[in-house]
Amino acid sequence: MLQVLVADDEITTRIGLKALLERSGYAVVLTSDGDAAWEALNGDAPPQIALLDWDMPGLIGPEICRRLAARSNRPFIYSILLTGKTDDSGLVHGFDSGANDYMCK
């Protein structure tokens, strides 16, 4: 079963995504800040997918994506930035940070 990390400081987003993902057969880990997300991504059994809020306390989503893309000694984690930003510059910045995908909330 694929494991998904959902890192978002908005509880309604976390709970909604958890319910949706679990109905689709994923195991879900929730965190409310970037520091906890980074810790989960570096654990002994990291998730295979990370849904990362762009702007949250601690490390922000793009910084986590940068760090994931820069490491070579760990398993690949598919990273998706979640944001309320709708302009094209946000999209470009998200992919420049190393995100594999980008979703508007």
PDB file of N, CA and C in Angstrom:
ATOM      1  N   MET A   1       0.846  -1.173   0.000  1.00  0.00           N
ATOM      2  CA  MET A   1       0.000   0.000   0.000  1.00  0.00           C
ATOM      3  C   MET A   1       0.894   1.239   0.000  1.00  0.00           C
ATOM      4  N   LEU A   2       0.626   2.134  -0.919  1.00  0.00           N
ATOM      5  CA  LEU A   2       1.397   3.381  -0.959  1.00  0.00           C
ATOM      6  C   LEU A   2       1.041   4.254   0.232  1.00  0.00           C
ATOM      7  N   GLN A   3       2.072   4.912   0.751  1.00  0.00           N
ATOM      8  CA  GLN A   3       1.877   5.820   1.877  1.00  0.00           C
ATOM      9  C   GLN A   3       2.046   7.252   1.382  1.00  0.00           C
ATOM     10  N   VAL A   4       1.130   8.124   1.812  1.00  0.00           N
ATOM     11  CA  VAL A   4       1.141   9.529   1.414  1.00  0.00           C
ATOM     12  C   VAL A   4       1.278  10.399   2.660  1.00  0.00           C
ATOM     13  N   LEU A   5       2.204  11.345   2.598  1.00  0.00           N
ATOM     14  CA  LEU A   5       2.334  12.355   3.639  1.00  0.00           C
ATOM     15  C   LEU A   5       1.527  13.574   3.202  1.00  0.00           C
ATOM     16  N   VAL A   6       0.659  14.061   4.080  1.00  0.00           N
ATOM     17  CA  VAL A   6      -0.073  15.308   3.843  1.00  0.00           C
ATOM     18  C   VAL A   6       0.422  16.295   4.881  1.00  0.00           C
ATOM     19  N   ALA A   7       1.102  17.350   4.412  1.00  0.00           N
ATOM     20  CA  ALA A   7       1.641  18.380   5.306  1.00  0.00           C
ATOM     21  C   ALA A   7       0.954  19.702   4.992  1.00  0.00           C
ATOM     22  N   ASP A   8       0.106  20.154   5.908  1.00  0.00           N
ATOM     23  CA  ASP A   8      -0.647  21.392   5.696  1.00  0.00           C
ATOM     24  C   ASP A   8      -1.039  21.933   7.056  1.00  0.00           C
ATOM     25  N   ASP A   9      -0.941  23.248   7.232  1.00  0.00           N
ATOM     26  CA  ASP A   9      -1.286  23.837   8.523  1.00  0.00           C
ATOM     27  C   ASP A   9      -2.792  24.033   8.689  1.00  0.00           C
ATOM     28  N   GLU A  10      -3.583  23.840   7.649  1.00  0.00           N
ATOM     29  CA  GLU A  10      -5.042  23.953   7.747  1.00  0.00           C
ATOM     30  C   GLU A  10      -5.636  22.583   8.039  1.00  0.00           C
ATOM     31  N   ILE A  11      -6.267  22.458   9.199  1.00  0.00           N
ATOM     32  CA  ILE A  11      -6.796  21.159   9.609  1.00  0.00           C
ATOM     33  C   ILE A  11      -7.857  20.644   8.641  1.00  0.00           C
ATOM     34  N   THR A  12      -8.678  21.526   8.091  1.00  0.00           N
ATOM     35  CA  THR A  12      -9.726  21.063   7.171  1.00  0.00           C
ATOM     36  C   THR A  12      -9.113  20.458   5.908  1.00  0.00           C
ATOM     37  N   THR A  13      -8.022  21.014   5.440  1.00  0.00           N
ATOM     38  CA  THR A  13      -7.334  20.453   4.269  1.00  0.00           C
ATOM     39  C   THR A  13      -6.760  19.089   4.608  1.00  0.00           C
ATOM     40  N   ARG A  14      -6.089  18.982   5.759  1.00  0.00           N
ATOM     41  CA  ARG A  14      -5.508  17.701   6.162  1.00  0.00           C
ATOM     42  C   ARG A  14      -6.563  16.606   6.283  1.00  0.00           C
ATOM     43  N   ILE A  15      -7.647  16.907   6.973  1.00  0.00           N
ATOM     44  CA  ILE A  15      -8.690  15.905   7.218  1.00  0.00           C
ATOM     45  C   ILE A  15      -9.392  15.528   5.905  1.00  0.00           C
ATOM     46  N   GLY A  16      -9.675  16.519   5.070  1.00  0.00           N
ATOM     47  CA  GLY A  16     -10.329  16.239   3.792  1.00  0.00           C
ATOM     48  C   GLY A  16      -9.476  15.379   2.881  1.00  0.00           C
ATOM     49  N   LEU A  17      -8.191  15.711   2.776  1.00  0.00           N
ATOM     50  CA  LEU A  17      -7.298  14.916   1.935  1.00  0.00           C
ATOM     51  C   LEU A  17      -7.114  13.509   2.502  1.00  0.00           C
ATOM     52  N   LYS A  18      -7.032  13.407   3.825  1.00  0.00           N
ATOM     53  CA  LYS A  18      -6.892  12.091   4.457  1.00  0.00           C
ATOM     54  C   LYS A  18      -8.080  11.204   4.095  1.00  0.00           C
ATOM     55  N   ALA A  19      -9.288  11.724   4.222  1.00  0.00           N
ATOM     56  CA  ALA A  19     -10.485  10.936   3.918  1.00  0.00           C
ATOM     57  C   ALA A  19     -10.507  10.517   2.450  1.00  0.00           C
ATOM     58  N   LEU A  20     -10.201  11.425   1.568  1.00  0.00           N
ATOM     59  CA  LEU A  20     -10.192  11.137   0.128  1.00  0.00           C
ATOM     60  C   LEU A  20      -9.147  10.081  -0.217  1.00  0.00           C
ATOM     61  N   LEU A  21      -7.956  10.246   0.306  1.00  0.00           N
ATOM     62  CA  LEU A  21      -6.869   9.316  -0.001  1.00  0.00           C
ATOM     63  C   LEU A  21      -7.118   7.929   0.594  1.00  0.00           C
ATOM     64  N   GLU A  22      -7.625   7.874   1.812  1.00  0.00           N
ATOM     65  CA  GLU A  22      -7.888   6.579   2.431  1.00  0.00           C
ATOM     66  C   GLU A  22      -8.991   5.827   1.685  1.00  0.00           C
ATOM     67  N   ARG A  23      -9.999   6.541   1.193  1.00  0.00           N
ATOM     68  CA  ARG A  23     -11.049   5.899   0.380  1.00  0.00           C
ATOM     69  C   ARG A  23     -10.471   5.336  -0.911  1.00  0.00           C
ATOM     70  N   SER A  24      -9.379   5.912  -1.368  1.00  0.00           N
ATOM     71  CA  SER A  24      -8.728   5.448  -2.598  1.00  0.00           C
ATOM     72  C   SER A  24      -7.674   4.374  -2.322  1.00  0.00           C
ATOM     73  N   GLY A  25      -7.529   3.974  -1.058  1.00  0.00           N
ATOM     74  CA  GLY A  25      -6.643   2.870  -0.731  1.00  0.00           C
ATOM     75  C   GLY A  25      -5.240   3.238  -0.289  1.00  0.00           C
ATOM     76  N   TYR A  26      -4.980   4.510  -0.012  1.00  0.00           N
ATOM     77  CA  TYR A  26      -3.656   4.936   0.441  1.00  0.00           C
ATOM     78  C   TYR A  26      -3.588   4.953   1.967  1.00  0.00           C
ATOM     79  N   ALA A  27      -2.411   4.702   2.502  1.00  0.00           N
ATOM     80  CA  ALA A  27      -2.131   4.937   3.915  1.00  0.00           C
ATOM     81  C   ALA A  27      -1.700   6.400   4.016  1.00  0.00           C
ATOM     82  N   VAL A  28      -2.168   7.105   5.035  1.00  0.00           N
ATOM     83  CA  VAL A  28      -1.926   8.549   5.116  1.00  0.00           C
ATOM     84  C   VAL A  28      -1.276   8.918   6.436  1.00  0.00           C
ATOM     85  N   VAL A  29      -0.253   9.772   6.349  1.00  0.00           N
ATOM     86  CA  VAL A  29       0.411  10.360   7.513  1.00  0.00           C
ATOM     87  C   VAL A  29       0.142  11.860   7.445  1.00  0.00           C
ATOM     88  N   LEU A  30      -0.288  12.453   8.552  1.00  0.00           N
ATOM     89  CA  LEU A  30      -0.592  13.883   8.586  1.00  0.00           C
ATOM     90  C   LEU A  30       0.427  14.641   9.430  1.00  0.00           C
ATOM     91  N   THR A  31       0.828  15.810   8.942  1.00  0.00           N
ATOM     92  CA  THR A  31       1.639  16.738   9.736  1.00  0.00           C
ATOM     93  C   THR A  31       1.096  18.143   9.503  1.00  0.00           C
ATOM     94  N   SER A  32       1.307  19.014  10.475  1.00  0.00           N
ATOM     95  CA  SER A  32       0.778  20.378  10.369  1.00  0.00           C
ATOM     96  C   SER A  32       1.849  21.431  10.139  1.00  0.00           C
ATOM     97  N   ASP A  33       3.109  21.006   9.995  1.00  0.00           N
ATOM     98  CA  ASP A  33       4.173  21.976   9.730  1.00  0.00           C
ATOM     99  C   ASP A  33       5.298  21.324   8.935  1.00  0.00           C
ATOM    100  N   GLY A  34       6.113  22.160   8.343  1.00  0.00           N
ATOM    101  CA  GLY A  34       7.180  21.681   7.478  1.00  0.00           C
ATOM    102  C   GLY A  34       8.280  20.927   8.192  1.00  0.00           C
ATOM    103  N   ASP A  35       8.574  21.302   9.422  1.00  0.00           N
ATOM    104  CA  ASP A  35       9.627  20.601  10.156  1.00  0.00           C
ATOM    105  C   ASP A  35       9.224  19.150  10.438  1.00  0.00           C
ATOM    106  N   ALA A  36       7.975  18.946  10.849  1.00  0.00           N
ATOM    107  CA  ALA A  36       7.488  17.586  11.091  1.00  0.00           C
ATOM    108  C   ALA A  36       7.426  16.799   9.785  1.00  0.00           C
ATOM    109  N   ALA A  37       7.076  17.472   8.692  1.00  0.00           N
ATOM    110  CA  ALA A  37       7.043  16.806   7.384  1.00  0.00           C
ATOM    111  C   ALA A  37       8.439  16.330   6.996  1.00  0.00           C
ATOM    112  N   TRP A  38       9.431  17.194   7.158  1.00  0.00           N
ATOM    113  CA  TRP A  38      10.802  16.834   6.806  1.00  0.00           C
ATOM    114  C   TRP A  38      11.281  15.647   7.654  1.00  0.00           C
ATOM    115  N   GLU A  39      10.919  15.650   8.917  1.00  0.00           N
ATOM    116  CA  GLU A  39      11.284  14.536   9.790  1.00  0.00           C
ATOM    117  C   GLU A  39      10.640  13.233   9.294  1.00  0.00           C
ATOM    118  N   ALA A  40       9.363  13.279   8.929  1.00  0.00           N
ATOM    119  CA  ALA A  40       8.670  12.086   8.427  1.00  0.00           C
ATOM    120  C   ALA A  40       9.283  11.595   7.115  1.00  0.00           C
ATOM    121  N   LEU A  41       9.711  12.510   6.274  1.00  0.00           N
ATOM    122  CA  LEU A  41      10.299  12.152   4.985  1.00  0.00           C
ATOM    123  C   LEU A  41      11.690  11.539   5.135  1.00  0.00           C
ATOM    124  N   ASN A  42      12.283  11.704   6.294  1.00  0.00           N
ATOM    125  CA  ASN A  42      13.615  11.164   6.545  1.00  0.00           C
ATOM    126  C   ASN A  42      13.618  10.005   7.526  1.00  0.00           C
ATOM    127  N   GLY A  43      12.432   9.501   7.854  1.00  0.00           N
ATOM    128  CA  GLY A  43      12.323   8.381   8.783  1.00  0.00           C
ATOM    129  C   GLY A  43      12.755   7.070   8.136  1.00  0.00           C
ATOM    130  N   ASP A  44      12.675   6.004   8.901  1.00  0.00           N
ATOM    131  CA  ASP A  44      13.071   4.673   8.422  1.00  0.00           C
ATOM    132  C   ASP A  44      12.159   4.140   7.325  1.00  0.00           C
ATOM    133  N   ALA A  45      10.886   4.527   7.350  1.00  0.00           N
ATOM    134  CA  ALA A  45       9.922   4.084   6.339  1.00  0.00           C
ATOM    135  C   ALA A  45       9.197   5.305   5.778  1.00  0.00           C
ATOM    136  N   PRO A  46       9.896   6.104   4.956  1.00  0.00           N
ATOM    137  CA  PRO A  46       9.289   7.342   4.469  1.00  0.00           C
ATOM    138  C   PRO A  46       8.146   7.060   3.488  1.00  0.00           C
ATOM    139  N   PRO A  47       7.198   7.991   3.388  1.00  0.00           N
ATOM    140  CA  PRO A  47       6.118   7.826   2.425  1.00  0.00           C
ATOM    141  C   PRO A  47       6.663   7.921   0.998  1.00  0.00           C
ATOM    142  N   GLN A  48       5.935   7.365   0.067  1.00  0.00           N
ATOM    143  CA  GLN A  48       6.350   7.417  -1.339  1.00  0.00           C
ATOM    144  C   GLN A  48       5.876   8.696  -2.032  1.00  0.00           C
ATOM    145  N   ILE A  49       4.859   9.337  -1.457  1.00  0.00           N
ATOM    146  CA  ILE A  49       4.283  10.554  -2.027  1.00  0.00           C
ATOM    147  C   ILE A  49       4.172  11.592  -0.915  1.00  0.00           C
ATOM    148  N   ALA A  50       4.492  12.857  -1.241  1.00  0.00           N
ATOM    149  CA  ALA A  50       4.359  13.945  -0.271  1.00  0.00           C
ATOM    150  C   ALA A  50       3.505  15.052  -0.874  1.00  0.00           C
ATOM    151  N   LEU A  51       2.374  15.356  -0.229  1.00  0.00           N
ATOM    152  CA  LEU A  51       1.542  16.506  -0.586  1.00  0.00           C
ATOM    153  C   LEU A  51       1.914  17.612   0.394  1.00  0.00           C
ATOM    154  N   LEU A  52       2.549  18.654  -0.123  1.00  0.00           N
ATOM    155  CA  LEU A  52       3.150  19.673   0.733  1.00  0.00           C
ATOM    156  C   LEU A  52       2.519  21.034   0.506  1.00  0.00           C
ATOM    157  N   ASP A  53       1.994  21.620   1.570  1.00  0.00           N
ATOM    158  CA  ASP A  53       1.461  22.975   1.486  1.00  0.00           C
ATOM    159  C   ASP A  53       2.605  23.926   1.154  1.00  0.00           C
ATOM    160  N   TRP A  54       2.325  24.878   0.311  1.00  0.00           N
ATOM    161  CA  TRP A  54       3.337  25.853  -0.079  1.00  0.00           C
ATOM    162  C   TRP A  54       3.804  26.640   1.133  1.00  0.00           C
ATOM    163  N   ASP A  55       2.856  27.165   1.895  1.00  0.00           N
ATOM    164  CA  ASP A  55       3.172  28.073   2.992  1.00  0.00           C
ATOM    165  C   ASP A  55       2.629  27.500   4.297  1.00  0.00           C
ATOM    166  N   MET A  56       3.534  27.050   5.158  1.00  0.00           N
ATOM    167  CA  MET A  56       3.163  26.494   6.458  1.00  0.00           C
ATOM    168  C   MET A  56       4.277  26.816   7.450  1.00  0.00           C
ATOM    169  N   PRO A  57       4.006  26.672   8.737  1.00  0.00           N
ATOM    170  CA  PRO A  57       5.057  26.940   9.725  1.00  0.00           C
ATOM    171  C   PRO A  57       6.266  26.033   9.506  1.00  0.00           C
ATOM    172  N   GLY A  58       7.420  26.511   9.913  1.00  0.00           N
ATOM    173  CA  GLY A  58       8.659  25.736   9.734  1.00  0.00           C
ATOM    174  C   GLY A  58       9.086  25.780   8.282  1.00  0.00           C
ATOM    175  N   LEU A  59       9.598  24.680   7.797  1.00  0.00           N
ATOM    176  CA  LEU A  59      10.007  24.609   6.389  1.00  0.00           C
ATOM    177  C   LEU A  59       8.781  24.752   5.497  1.00  0.00           C
ATOM    178  N   ILE A  60       8.904  25.506   4.434  1.00  0.00           N
ATOM    179  CA  ILE A  60       7.796  25.644   3.494  1.00  0.00           C
ATOM    180  C   ILE A  60       7.925  24.581   2.400  1.00  0.00           C
ATOM    181  N   GLY A  61       6.827  24.317   1.715  1.00  0.00           N
ATOM    182  CA  GLY A  61       6.806  23.272   0.706  1.00  0.00           C
ATOM    183  C   GLY A  61       7.924  23.338  -0.318  1.00  0.00           C
ATOM    184  N   PRO A  62       8.163  24.508  -0.958  1.00  0.00           N
ATOM    185  CA  PRO A  62       9.240  24.560  -1.944  1.00  0.00           C
ATOM    186  C   PRO A  62      10.617  24.217  -1.371  1.00  0.00           C
ATOM    187  N   GLU A  63      10.869  24.579  -0.136  1.00  0.00           N
ATOM    188  CA  GLU A  63      12.166  24.247   0.479  1.00  0.00           C
ATOM    189  C   GLU A  63      12.280  22.738   0.699  1.00  0.00           C
ATOM    190  N   ILE A  64      11.206  22.113   1.111  1.00  0.00           N
ATOM    191  CA  ILE A  64      11.232  20.655   1.271  1.00  0.00           C
ATOM    192  C   ILE A  64      11.477  19.995  -0.078  1.00  0.00           C
ATOM    193  N   CYS A  65      10.822  20.490  -1.134  1.00  0.00           N
ATOM    194  CA  CYS A  65      11.039  19.943  -2.481  1.00  0.00           C
ATOM    195  C   CYS A  65      12.492  20.102  -2.908  1.00  0.00           C
ATOM    196  N   ARG A  66      13.077  21.264  -2.624  1.00  0.00           N
ATOM    197  CA  ARG A  66      14.495  21.491  -2.953  1.00  0.00           C
ATOM    198  C   ARG A  66      15.380  20.460  -2.257  1.00  0.00           C
ATOM    199  N   ARG A  67      15.108  20.239  -0.985  1.00  0.00           N
ATOM    200  CA  ARG A  67      15.911  19.292  -0.218  1.00  0.00           C
ATOM    201  C   ARG A  67      15.727  17.861  -0.725  1.00  0.00           C
ATOM    202  N   LEU A  68      14.499  17.504  -1.059  1.00  0.00           N
ATOM    203  CA  LEU A  68      14.254  16.160  -1.593  1.00  0.00           C
ATOM    204  C   LEU A  68      14.983  15.954  -2.916  1.00  0.00           C
ATOM    205  N   ALA A  69      14.928  16.948  -3.784  1.00  0.00           N
ATOM    206  CA  ALA A  69      15.560  16.836  -5.099  1.00  0.00           C
ATOM    207  C   ALA A  69      17.081  16.772  -4.989  1.00  0.00           C
ATOM    208  N   ALA A  70      17.645  17.385  -3.952  1.00  0.00           N
ATOM    209  CA  ALA A  70      19.099  17.459  -3.820  1.00  0.00           C
ATOM    210  C   ALA A  70      19.718  16.201  -3.219  1.00  0.00           C
ATOM    211  N   ARG A  71      18.945  15.388  -2.569  1.00  0.00           N
ATOM    212  CA  ARG A  71      19.542  14.220  -1.910  1.00  0.00           C
ATOM    213  C   ARG A  71      19.575  13.027  -2.862  1.00  0.00           C
ATOM    214  N   SER A  72      20.630  12.259  -2.737  1.00  0.00           N
ATOM    215  CA  SER A  72      20.796  11.110  -3.626  1.00  0.00           C
ATOM    216  C   SER A  72      20.879   9.789  -2.864  1.00  0.00           C
ATOM    217  N   ASN A  73      20.960   9.857  -1.569  1.00  0.00           N
ATOM    218  CA  ASN A  73      21.183   8.647  -0.775  1.00  0.00           C
ATOM    219  C   ASN A  73      19.901   8.080  -0.169  1.00  0.00           C
ATOM    220  N   ARG A  74      18.748   8.566  -0.599  1.00  0.00           N
ATOM    221  CA  ARG A  74      17.469   8.129  -0.035  1.00  0.00           C
ATOM    222  C   ARG A  74      16.528   7.721  -1.166  1.00  0.00           C
ATOM    223  N   PRO A  75      15.479   6.968  -0.873  1.00  0.00           N
ATOM    224  CA  PRO A  75      14.514   6.602  -1.915  1.00  0.00           C
ATOM    225  C   PRO A  75      13.819   7.839  -2.494  1.00  0.00           C
ATOM    226  N   PHE A  76      13.408   7.730  -3.754  1.00  0.00           N
ATOM    227  CA  PHE A  76      12.693   8.813  -4.417  1.00  0.00           C
ATOM    228  C   PHE A  76      11.321   9.000  -3.770  1.00  0.00           C
ATOM    229  N   ILE A  77      10.943  10.236  -3.539  1.00  0.00           N
ATOM    230  CA  ILE A  77       9.623  10.587  -3.016  1.00  0.00           C
ATOM    231  C   ILE A  77       8.992  11.569  -4.002  1.00  0.00           C
ATOM    232  N   TYR A  78       7.828  11.221  -4.525  1.00  0.00           N
ATOM    233  CA  TYR A  78       7.109  12.076  -5.472  1.00  0.00           C
ATOM    234  C   TYR A  78       6.505  13.234  -4.691  1.00  0.00           C
ATOM    235  N   SER A  79       6.884  14.457  -5.018  1.00  0.00           N
ATOM    236  CA  SER A  79       6.445  15.626  -4.253  1.00  0.00           C
ATOM    237  C   SER A  79       5.464  16.472  -5.055  1.00  0.00           C
ATOM    238  N   ILE A  80       4.380  16.847  -4.387  1.00  0.00           N
ATOM    239  CA  ILE A  80       3.329  17.669  -4.986  1.00  0.00           C
ATOM    240  C   ILE A  80       3.114  18.876  -4.083  1.00  0.00           C
ATOM    241  N   LEU A  81       3.262  20.072  -4.639  1.00  0.00           N
ATOM    242  CA  LEU A  81       3.004  21.293  -3.887  1.00  0.00           C
ATOM    243  C   LEU A  81       1.523  21.629  -3.944  1.00  0.00           C
ATOM    244  N   LEU A  82       0.950  21.965  -2.797  1.00  0.00           N
ATOM    245  CA  LEU A  82      -0.441  22.406  -2.698  1.00  0.00           C
ATOM    246  C   LEU A  82      -0.443  23.892  -2.392  1.00  0.00           C
ATOM    247  N   THR A  83      -1.225  24.662  -3.132  1.00  0.00           N
ATOM    248  CA  THR A  83      -1.213  26.095  -2.898  1.00  0.00           C
ATOM    249  C   THR A  83      -2.516  26.753  -3.330  1.00  0.00           C
ATOM    250  N   GLY A  84      -2.742  27.903  -2.765  1.00  0.00           N
ATOM    251  CA  GLY A  84      -3.856  28.745  -3.185  1.00  0.00           C
ATOM    252  C   GLY A  84      -3.418  29.740  -4.247  1.00  0.00           C
ATOM    253  N   LYS A  85      -2.122  29.762  -4.553  1.00  0.00           N
ATOM    254  CA  LYS A  85      -1.600  30.673  -5.574  1.00  0.00           C
ATOM    255  C   LYS A  85      -2.112  30.229  -6.941  1.00  0.00           C
ATOM    256  N   THR A  86      -2.532  31.202  -7.739  1.00  0.00           N
ATOM    257  CA  THR A  86      -3.074  30.847  -9.049  1.00  0.00           C
ATOM    258  C   THR A  86      -2.311  31.486 -10.200  1.00  0.00           C
ATOM    259  N   ASP A  87      -1.289  32.273  -9.903  1.00  0.00           N
ATOM    260  CA  ASP A  87      -0.556  32.916 -10.996  1.00  0.00           C
ATOM    261  C   ASP A  87       0.540  31.990 -11.543  1.00  0.00           C
ATOM    262  N   ASP A  88       0.962  32.268 -12.758  1.00  0.00           N
ATOM    263  CA  ASP A  88       1.962  31.425 -13.422  1.00  0.00           C
ATOM    264  C   ASP A  88       3.317  31.468 -12.736  1.00  0.00           C
ATOM    265  N   SER A  89       3.651  32.571 -12.085  1.00  0.00           N
ATOM    266  CA  SER A  89       4.959  32.658 -11.429  1.00  0.00           C
ATOM    267  C   SER A  89       5.054  31.642 -10.290  1.00  0.00           C
ATOM    268  N   GLY A  90       3.949  31.380  -9.614  1.00  0.00           N
ATOM    269  CA  GLY A  90       3.951  30.365  -8.565  1.00  0.00           C
ATOM    270  C   GLY A  90       4.212  28.988  -9.132  1.00  0.00           C
ATOM    271  N   LEU A  91       3.619  28.713 -10.278  1.00  0.00           N
ATOM    272  CA  LEU A  91       3.819  27.423 -10.935  1.00  0.00           C
ATOM    273  C   LEU A  91       5.285  27.236 -11.314  1.00  0.00           C
ATOM    274  N   VAL A  92       5.878  28.255 -11.908  1.00  0.00           N
ATOM    275  CA  VAL A  92       7.284  28.189 -12.317  1.00  0.00           C
ATOM    276  C   VAL A  92       8.178  28.012 -11.097  1.00  0.00           C
ATOM    277  N   HIS A  93       7.927  28.788 -10.061  1.00  0.00           N
ATOM    278  CA  HIS A  93       8.731  28.694  -8.844  1.00  0.00           C
ATOM    279  C   HIS A  93       8.601  27.303  -8.216  1.00  0.00           C
ATOM    280  N   GLY A  94       7.398  26.742  -8.237  1.00  0.00           N
ATOM    281  CA  GLY A  94       7.184  25.418  -7.672  1.00  0.00           C
ATOM    282  C   GLY A  94       8.003  24.356  -8.380  1.00  0.00           C
ATOM    283  N   PHE A  95       7.989  24.383  -9.709  1.00  0.00           N
ATOM    284  CA  PHE A  95       8.765  23.393 -10.454  1.00  0.00           C
ATOM    285  C   PHE A  95      10.264  23.670 -10.347  1.00  0.00           C
ATOM    286  N   ASP A  96      10.649  24.932 -10.274  1.00  0.00           N
ATOM    287  CA  ASP A  96      12.057  25.257 -10.077  1.00  0.00           C
ATOM    288  C   ASP A  96      12.586  24.731  -8.743  1.00  0.00           C
ATOM    289  N   SER A  97      11.705  24.599  -7.767  1.00  0.00           N
ATOM    290  CA  SER A  97      12.134  24.110  -6.454  1.00  0.00           C
ATOM    291  C   SER A  97      12.353  22.600  -6.451  1.00  0.00           C
ATOM    292  N   GLY A  98      11.942  21.927  -7.516  1.00  0.00           N
ATOM    293  CA  GLY A  98      12.123  20.483  -7.580  1.00  0.00           C
ATOM    294  C   GLY A  98      10.852  19.690  -7.393  1.00  0.00           C
ATOM    295  N   ALA A  99       9.715  20.365  -7.260  1.00  0.00           N
ATOM    296  CA  ALA A  99       8.439  19.662  -7.117  1.00  0.00           C
ATOM    297  C   ALA A  99       8.168  18.837  -8.367  1.00  0.00           C
ATOM    298  N   ASN A 100       7.565  17.685  -8.193  1.00  0.00           N
ATOM    299  CA  ASN A 100       7.192  16.840  -9.312  1.00  0.00           C
ATOM    300  C   ASN A 100       5.843  17.225  -9.886  1.00  0.00           C
ATOM    301  N   ASP A 101       5.020  17.885  -9.083  1.00  0.00           N
ATOM    302  CA  ASP A 101       3.705  18.316  -9.538  1.00  0.00           C
ATOM    303  C   ASP A 101       3.238  19.460  -8.665  1.00  0.00           C
ATOM    304  N   TYR A 102       2.103  20.049  -9.038  1.00  0.00           N
ATOM    305  CA  TYR A 102       1.607  21.279  -8.422  1.00  0.00           C
ATOM    306  C   TYR A 102       0.098  21.237  -8.484  1.00  0.00           C
ATOM    307  N   MET A 103      -0.570  21.485  -7.375  1.00  0.00           N
ATOM    308  CA  MET A 103      -2.036  21.501  -7.349  1.00  0.00           C
ATOM    309  C   MET A 103      -2.540  22.730  -6.641  1.00  0.00           C
ATOM    310  N   CYS A 104      -3.537  23.378  -7.229  1.00  0.00           N
ATOM    311  CA  CYS A 104      -4.198  24.505  -6.558  1.00  0.00           C
ATOM    312  C   CYS A 104      -5.275  23.960  -5.621  1.00  0.00           C
ATOM    313  N   LYS A 105      -5.363  24.563  -4.459  1.00  0.00           N
ATOM    314  CA  LYS A 105      -6.394  24.135  -3.482  1.00  0.00           C
ATOM    315  C   LYS A 105      -7.753  24.591  -3.958  1.00  0.00           C
TER     316      LYS A 105
END
